[in-house]
Amino acid sequence: MRAAIQTGIRTIEMRDIPAPVPDADTGLIRVRTAGVCGSDLHRYHDWAEPQTMPAGHEYCGEVVHLPTGYDGPARVGDLVAVDGIMGMACGTCNFCKTGQTFHCQVRQTTPTYGGAFAEFVKRRPWAFFPLPSHLTPEHGALVEPLAVGVHGVRWARMQPGARVVILGAGTIGLTTLIAAKALGASAVHITARHPHQTALAQALGATTVLPDDDATVIEQVRDLTGGAGADLVIETVGGHADTINLSWELVKPQGTVSILGVFADPMRINLMPPLNREVWVTFPICYGVIDGRHDYEVAIELIAQGRAPVEKLVTARFPLEQTPDAFRMADDKSTGSVKVHITV
């Protein structure tokens, strides 16, 4: 099959590699659409050693094979969104049984199956989530990033009518904006660095788009909340930003801070402000089951009902053979890119 393989820092090449062969407990998906994630770009910047398998975890495809004995909802020919993490988990440990497959110890110690920047991918089929017939492969590939935002809101136990501040208007910041609004926030304020992010946040219904300036954000959030602060602050920037410490200044006493951004390196964090304010702090990651429902199920329902206009996030589409160009565009924010999709 054709696949996009990273062969060095900021270098992706198209290769012919063996197609995955499903075994007794895996199904096979023909990829239709895959999204370039921020985590894919981190690897794009950092991986110098040539890879042997494609990456890609935001995807939708058609089921072409299911293992004997599978009795789940998916059928051959169905268009499905795939929880790739769940699809590599064992399914039998305590974490898997409670729907927390990210924490499956078997998944963390076994080789990956390869990702969706290719024609085919295999996963255990309990991770296949069929789409309603009126949704497209593009919708399906946006289920994963929306599920991250849904998880961030649900794991923080956001209450109906909450006043929410989101730090960062990248893809996850914007999907969190969509999720917070759809799940009952009364006001959602979001910070944006680039003009195209501001425009998109406004199009997605942000109550206020705030400038990417700490002092101004603090002043405006206090004005917008009558001096109290936000009920919930969701940090989505990560990296080397000082946004965790900024969160303490924006949340109300006894409010909640939900940290979705990934901080790979140690950070200097001042814990006195959250201590003095009795702040609840949580670190949601990826997705799972909360209150009996998987975040993918919630995300698909919101899209299907028209409450999550995720298609507005897609700013460019490339065929699989042009994956190197897709990555270059996704990596260059001066192009106005938000979500770049690869079609197969």
Protein backbone atom coordinates (compact mmCIF):
# COMPACT_ATOMS: atom_id res chain seq x y z
CA MET A 1 0.00 0.00 0.00
CA ARG A 2 1.00 3.63 -0.34
CA ALA A 3 1.98 5.36 2.88
CA ALA A 4 3.55 8.62 4.05
CA ILE A 5 6.66 7.86 6.10
CA GLN A 6 8.71 10.37 8.08
CA THR A 7 12.36 9.83 7.14
CA GLY A 8 13.93 12.72 9.06
CA ILE A 9 13.23 16.09 10.65
CA ARG A 10 10.57 17.85 8.56
CA THR A 11 10.96 15.20 5.86
CA ILE A 12 8.12 12.96 4.75
CA GLU A 13 8.32 10.64 1.76
CA MET A 14 5.76 8.51 -0.03
CA ARG A 15 6.63 4.83 0.10
CA ASP A 16 5.23 1.44 -0.88
CA ILE A 17 5.05 -0.67 2.29
CA PRO A 18 3.28 -3.95 3.15
CA ALA A 19 -0.39 -3.49 3.89
CA PRO A 20 -1.47 -4.52 7.40
CA VAL A 21 -2.84 -8.03 7.66
CA PRO A 22 -5.69 -8.45 10.14
CA ASP A 23 -5.45 -11.32 12.59
CA ALA A 24 -7.88 -13.12 14.90
CA ASP A 25 -8.81 -10.01 16.90
CA THR A 26 -8.31 -7.07 14.53
CA GLY A 27 -10.37 -5.48 11.80
CA LEU A 28 -9.16 -3.66 8.69
CA ILE A 29 -10.09 -0.11 7.69
CA ARG A 30 -9.64 1.47 4.29
CA VAL A 31 -8.74 5.04 5.23
CA ARG A 32 -10.88 7.73 3.62
CA THR A 33 -9.81 10.91 5.46
CA ALA A 34 -7.04 11.61 8.00
CA GLY A 35 -6.22 14.84 9.81
CA VAL A 36 -2.81 16.31 10.63
CA CYS A 37 -2.71 16.81 14.41
CA GLY A 38 -0.50 19.11 16.46
CA SER A 39 1.16 16.02 17.95
CA ASP A 40 1.99 14.88 14.39
CA LEU A 41 3.71 18.24 13.90
CA HIS A 42 5.71 17.78 17.12
CA ARG A 43 7.11 14.54 15.68
CA TYR A 44 7.59 16.27 12.34
CA HIS A 45 9.89 18.75 14.11
CA ASP A 46 11.72 16.30 16.36
CA TRP A 47 12.07 12.83 14.82
CA ALA A 48 15.44 12.53 13.12
CA GLU A 49 15.51 8.73 12.90
CA PRO A 50 13.66 7.31 9.87
CA GLN A 51 10.35 5.68 10.76
CA THR A 52 9.12 2.35 9.44
CA MET A 53 5.37 2.89 9.83
CA PRO A 54 3.06 5.82 9.12
CA ALA A 55 1.62 8.01 11.84
CA GLY A 56 -1.91 9.44 11.85
CA HIS A 57 -4.60 9.04 14.50
CA GLU A 58 -7.41 11.41 13.43
CA TYR A 59 -9.17 9.36 10.81
CA CYS A 60 -12.28 7.88 9.33
CA GLY A 61 -12.56 4.95 6.98
CA GLU A 62 -14.58 2.10 5.57
CA VAL A 63 -14.65 -1.27 7.30
CA VAL A 64 -13.32 -3.92 4.89
CA HIS A 65 -12.76 -6.80 7.35
CA LEU A 66 -14.03 -7.85 10.76
CA PRO A 67 -12.69 -10.80 12.77
CA THR A 68 -14.73 -13.95 13.25
CA GLY A 69 -16.91 -13.72 16.34
CA TYR A 70 -17.08 -9.93 16.42
CA ASP A 71 -20.58 -8.90 17.58
CA GLY A 72 -20.28 -5.11 17.83
CA PRO A 73 -22.24 -2.44 15.97
CA ALA A 74 -19.92 -2.05 12.95
CA ARG A 75 -20.48 -3.96 9.71
CA VAL A 76 -18.34 -4.42 6.61
CA GLY A 77 -18.93 -1.39 4.40
CA ASP A 78 -19.72 0.95 7.29
CA LEU A 79 -18.06 4.33 7.55
CA VAL A 80 -16.52 4.54 11.02
CA ALA A 81 -14.55 6.88 13.23
CA VAL A 82 -11.83 4.95 15.03
CA ASP A 83 -10.51 5.40 18.55
CA GLY A 84 -6.99 4.30 17.68
CA ILE A 85 -5.93 4.09 21.34
CA MET A 86 -8.86 1.86 22.21
CA GLY A 87 -8.08 -0.20 19.11
CA MET A 88 -4.68 -1.20 20.51
CA ALA A 89 -5.84 -1.82 24.09
CA CYS A 90 -6.27 -5.32 25.51
CA GLY A 91 -9.96 -5.06 26.38
CA THR A 92 -9.64 -7.23 29.49
CA CYS A 93 -7.75 -5.24 32.13
CA ASN A 94 -9.54 -3.13 34.75
CA PHE A 95 -8.82 0.09 32.85
CA CYS A 96 -10.30 -1.33 29.65
CA LYS A 97 -13.33 -2.73 31.44
CA THR A 98 -14.13 0.73 32.81
CA GLY A 99 -13.58 2.44 29.46
CA GLN A 100 -10.24 4.06 30.34
CA THR A 101 -8.26 2.44 27.53
CA PHE A 102 -5.62 5.18 27.42
CA HIS A 103 -4.30 3.69 30.66
CA CYS A 104 -4.24 0.07 29.46
CA GLN A 105 -0.82 -1.30 30.41
CA VAL A 106 -0.83 -3.82 27.55
CA ARG A 107 -1.34 -1.04 25.00
CA GLN A 108 1.63 0.84 26.42
CA THR A 109 4.00 -2.12 26.09
CA THR A 110 3.10 -3.58 22.69
CA PRO A 111 4.23 -2.39 19.23
CA THR A 112 1.97 0.01 17.38
CA TYR A 113 -0.03 -1.15 14.39
CA GLY A 114 0.85 1.91 12.33
CA GLY A 115 -1.33 4.91 11.61
CA ALA A 116 -3.67 6.37 9.02
CA PHE A 117 -1.40 8.33 6.71
CA ALA A 118 -1.75 5.32 4.45
CA GLU A 119 -4.33 3.39 2.48
CA PHE A 120 -5.15 0.88 5.23
CA VAL A 121 -4.93 0.59 9.00
CA LYS A 122 -5.87 -2.20 11.40
CA ARG A 123 -7.25 -2.00 14.93
CA ARG A 124 -9.33 -4.07 17.33
CA PRO A 125 -12.92 -3.48 16.15
CA TRP A 126 -14.42 -2.61 19.53
CA ALA A 127 -12.88 0.80 18.73
CA PHE A 128 -14.98 1.27 15.56
CA PHE A 129 -17.77 3.86 15.95
CA PRO A 130 -20.20 3.78 12.99
CA LEU A 131 -21.33 7.15 11.66
CA PRO A 132 -24.92 8.12 10.88
CA SER A 133 -25.58 7.92 7.15
CA HIS A 134 -25.70 11.69 6.61
CA LEU A 135 -22.16 12.26 7.92
CA THR A 136 -19.13 12.29 5.63
CA PRO A 137 -15.57 10.95 5.97
CA GLU A 138 -14.52 14.52 6.73
CA HIS A 139 -16.92 14.60 9.68
CA GLY A 140 -15.60 11.23 10.80
CA ALA A 141 -11.99 12.38 10.82
CA LEU A 142 -12.99 15.31 13.05
CA VAL A 143 -14.55 13.07 15.71
CA GLU A 144 -11.15 12.47 17.34
CA PRO A 145 -10.19 16.14 17.92
CA LEU A 146 -13.74 16.96 18.98
CA ALA A 147 -13.66 14.03 21.43
CA VAL A 148 -10.54 15.55 23.03
CA GLY A 149 -12.46 18.80 23.63
CA VAL A 150 -15.52 16.88 24.82
CA HIS A 151 -13.35 14.90 27.24
CA GLY A 152 -11.71 18.07 28.57
CA VAL A 153 -15.10 19.59 29.31
CA ARG A 154 -16.73 16.44 30.71
CA TRP A 155 -13.74 15.37 32.84
CA ALA A 156 -13.74 18.86 34.37
CA ARG A 157 -17.41 18.28 35.30
CA MET A 158 -18.52 21.53 33.72
CA GLN A 159 -21.92 22.57 35.05
CA PRO A 160 -24.75 23.90 32.86
CA GLY A 161 -24.58 27.67 32.66
CA ALA A 162 -20.86 27.80 33.42
CA ARG A 163 -18.74 30.74 32.36
CA VAL A 164 -15.73 29.27 30.57
CA VAL A 165 -12.38 30.67 29.45
CA ILE A 166 -10.32 28.70 26.91
CA LEU A 167 -6.64 29.51 26.48
CA GLY A 168 -5.56 28.91 22.89
CA ALA A 169 -7.44 28.80 19.58
CA GLY A 170 -5.62 26.00 17.80
CA THR A 171 -7.60 22.95 16.74
CA ILE A 172 -8.08 21.64 20.29
CA GLY A 173 -8.94 25.08 21.65
CA LEU A 174 -11.57 25.44 18.94
CA THR A 175 -13.01 21.94 19.41
CA THR A 176 -13.17 22.68 23.14
CA LEU A 177 -15.05 25.88 22.33
CA ILE A 178 -17.52 23.83 20.28
CA ALA A 179 -17.85 21.22 23.04
CA ALA A 180 -18.33 23.73 25.87
CA LYS A 181 -21.06 25.57 23.97
CA ALA A 182 -22.82 22.36 22.93
CA LEU A 183 -22.69 20.92 26.45
CA GLY A 184 -24.30 23.89 28.15
CA ALA A 185 -21.85 26.71 28.93
CA SER A 186 -23.54 30.09 29.16
CA ALA A 187 -20.49 32.03 27.94
CA VAL A 188 -17.25 30.88 26.33
CA HIS A 189 -14.36 33.33 26.04
CA ILE A 190 -11.24 32.24 24.12
CA THR A 191 -7.77 33.66 23.50
CA ALA A 192 -6.40 33.74 19.94
CA ARG A 193 -2.97 34.60 18.58
CA HIS A 194 -3.59 34.77 14.82
CA PRO A 195 -6.24 36.72 12.87
CA HIS A 196 -7.57 33.58 11.17
CA GLN A 197 -8.01 31.94 14.59
CA THR A 198 -9.95 34.98 15.79
CA ALA A 199 -12.22 34.86 12.75
CA LEU A 200 -12.88 31.14 13.14
CA ALA A 201 -13.55 31.40 16.88
CA GLN A 202 -16.10 34.12 16.14
CA ALA A 203 -17.69 31.97 13.42
CA LEU A 204 -17.96 29.11 15.92
CA GLY A 205 -19.86 31.28 18.37
CA ALA A 206 -17.30 32.41 20.94
CA THR A 207 -18.82 34.93 23.33
CA THR A 208 -15.59 36.95 23.29
CA VAL A 209 -12.26 36.46 21.52
CA LEU A 210 -9.51 37.74 23.79
CA PRO A 211 -6.05 38.95 22.73
CA ASP A 212 -3.01 36.79 23.37
CA ASP A 213 -1.66 39.12 26.06
CA ASP A 214 -1.67 38.01 29.70
CA ALA A 215 -2.29 41.37 31.35
CA THR A 216 -5.10 42.26 28.96
CA VAL A 217 -6.70 38.83 29.30
CA ILE A 218 -6.69 39.03 33.10
CA GLU A 219 -8.29 42.48 33.04
CA GLN A 220 -10.92 41.53 30.46
CA VAL A 221 -11.90 38.25 32.14
CA ARG A 222 -12.39 40.07 35.43
CA ASP A 223 -14.60 42.60 33.65
CA LEU A 224 -16.56 39.88 31.86
CA THR A 225 -17.19 37.93 35.07
CA GLY A 226 -17.97 40.82 37.42
CA GLY A 227 -14.59 40.45 39.08
CA ALA A 228 -15.16 36.85 40.19
CA GLY A 229 -13.28 34.94 37.52
CA ALA A 230 -14.37 32.05 35.29
CA ASP A 231 -16.11 28.95 36.61
CA LEU A 232 -13.88 26.84 34.37
CA VAL A 233 -10.59 27.63 32.64
CA ILE A 234 -9.38 25.17 30.01
CA GLU A 235 -5.72 25.42 28.98
CA THR A 236 -5.06 24.05 25.45
CA VAL A 237 -1.74 25.66 24.49
CA GLY A 238 0.91 23.49 26.16
CA GLY A 239 4.51 23.55 24.96
CA HIS A 240 6.53 26.21 26.76
CA ALA A 241 3.76 28.73 27.35
CA ASP A 242 3.17 30.11 30.85
CA THR A 243 -0.54 29.45 30.49
CA ILE A 244 -0.88 27.24 33.59
CA ASN A 245 0.12 30.13 35.84
CA LEU A 246 -2.15 32.40 33.80
CA SER A 247 -5.04 30.01 34.47
CA TRP A 248 -4.79 30.64 38.21
CA GLU A 249 -5.40 34.34 37.58
CA LEU A 250 -8.51 33.72 35.49
CA VAL A 251 -10.42 31.13 37.53
CA LYS A 252 -12.77 32.06 40.34
CA PRO A 253 -12.23 30.88 43.93
CA GLN A 254 -13.30 27.21 44.13
CA GLY A 255 -13.44 27.07 40.33
CA THR A 256 -11.84 24.48 38.08
CA VAL A 257 -8.82 24.49 35.78
CA SER A 258 -8.67 21.77 33.11
CA ILE A 259 -5.25 21.39 31.49
CA LEU A 260 -5.49 19.87 28.01
CA GLY A 261 -2.23 21.21 26.63
CA VAL A 262 0.80 18.94 26.55
CA PHE A 263 3.89 20.13 28.43
CA ALA A 264 6.71 17.77 27.49
CA ASP A 265 9.36 19.62 29.50
CA PRO A 266 9.37 20.60 33.21
CA MET A 267 7.62 23.88 33.97
CA ARG A 268 7.91 26.38 36.83
CA ILE A 269 4.43 26.52 38.37
CA ASN A 270 3.36 28.78 41.22
CA LEU A 271 0.99 26.75 43.41
CA MET A 272 0.11 29.48 45.90
CA PRO A 273 -2.65 31.10 43.80
CA PRO A 274 -4.64 27.87 43.29
CA LEU A 275 -4.05 26.95 46.93
CA ASN A 276 -5.42 30.28 48.14
CA ARG A 277 -8.41 29.96 45.81
CA GLU A 278 -9.16 26.28 46.56
CA VAL A 279 -9.03 25.54 42.85
CA TRP A 280 -9.84 22.11 41.47
CA VAL A 281 -7.20 21.15 38.86
CA THR A 282 -7.46 18.23 36.46
CA PHE A 283 -5.38 16.91 33.57
CA PRO A 284 -7.70 15.19 31.07
CA ILE A 285 -5.98 13.37 28.23
CA CYS A 286 -7.45 11.98 25.03
CA TYR A 287 -10.83 10.33 25.63
CA GLY A 288 -12.65 7.53 27.40
CA VAL A 289 -15.93 6.63 29.05
CA ILE A 290 -17.55 9.10 31.48
CA ASP A 291 -20.93 8.43 33.10
CA GLY A 292 -21.42 5.41 30.87
CA ARG A 293 -20.82 7.15 27.52
CA HIS A 294 -17.66 7.24 25.43
CA ASP A 295 -16.49 10.69 24.37
CA TYR A 296 -16.58 9.50 20.74
CA GLU A 297 -20.28 8.71 21.12
CA VAL A 298 -20.95 12.18 22.49
CA ALA A 299 -18.87 13.81 19.75
CA ILE A 300 -20.64 11.90 16.96
CA GLU A 301 -24.03 12.79 18.43
CA LEU A 302 -23.16 16.50 18.60
CA ILE A 303 -21.98 16.50 14.98
CA ALA A 304 -24.99 14.52 13.77
CA GLN A 305 -27.40 16.89 15.52
CA GLY A 306 -25.75 19.96 13.97
CA ARG A 307 -24.58 21.23 17.35
CA ALA A 308 -20.88 20.86 16.51
CA PRO A 309 -20.00 22.53 13.16
CA VAL A 310 -16.56 20.93 13.05
CA GLU A 311 -16.39 21.09 9.25
CA LYS A 312 -15.58 24.80 9.61
CA LEU A 313 -12.19 23.81 11.04
CA VAL A 314 -10.94 22.30 7.77
CA THR A 315 -8.86 24.85 5.88
CA ALA A 316 -7.13 22.61 3.31
CA ARG A 317 -7.38 19.15 1.77
CA PHE A 318 -4.65 17.15 0.03
CA PRO A 319 -4.64 13.70 -1.60
CA LEU A 320 -2.47 11.05 0.09
CA GLU A 321 0.31 11.45 -2.49
CA GLN A 322 0.68 15.09 -1.44
CA THR A 323 1.07 14.36 2.29
CA PRO A 324 4.49 16.14 2.38
CA ASP A 325 2.76 19.30 1.10
CA ALA A 326 -0.04 18.85 3.62
CA PHE A 327 2.47 18.80 6.48
CA ARG A 328 4.27 21.86 5.19
CA MET A 329 1.01 23.79 5.11
CA ALA A 330 -0.13 22.56 8.53
CA ASP A 331 3.24 23.60 9.96
CA ASP A 332 3.06 27.12 8.55
CA LYS A 333 0.43 29.15 10.42
CA SER A 334 1.04 32.10 8.09
CA THR A 335 -1.01 30.12 5.54
CA GLY A 336 -4.08 30.44 7.78
CA SER A 337 -4.22 26.70 8.31
CA VAL A 338 -6.20 25.22 11.19
CA LYS A 339 -7.04 21.65 10.26
CA VAL A 340 -5.41 20.09 7.20
CA HIS A 341 -6.98 16.90 5.89
CA ILE A 342 -5.49 14.13 3.76
CA THR A 343 -7.93 12.22 1.57
CA VAL A 344 -7.26 8.66 0.45
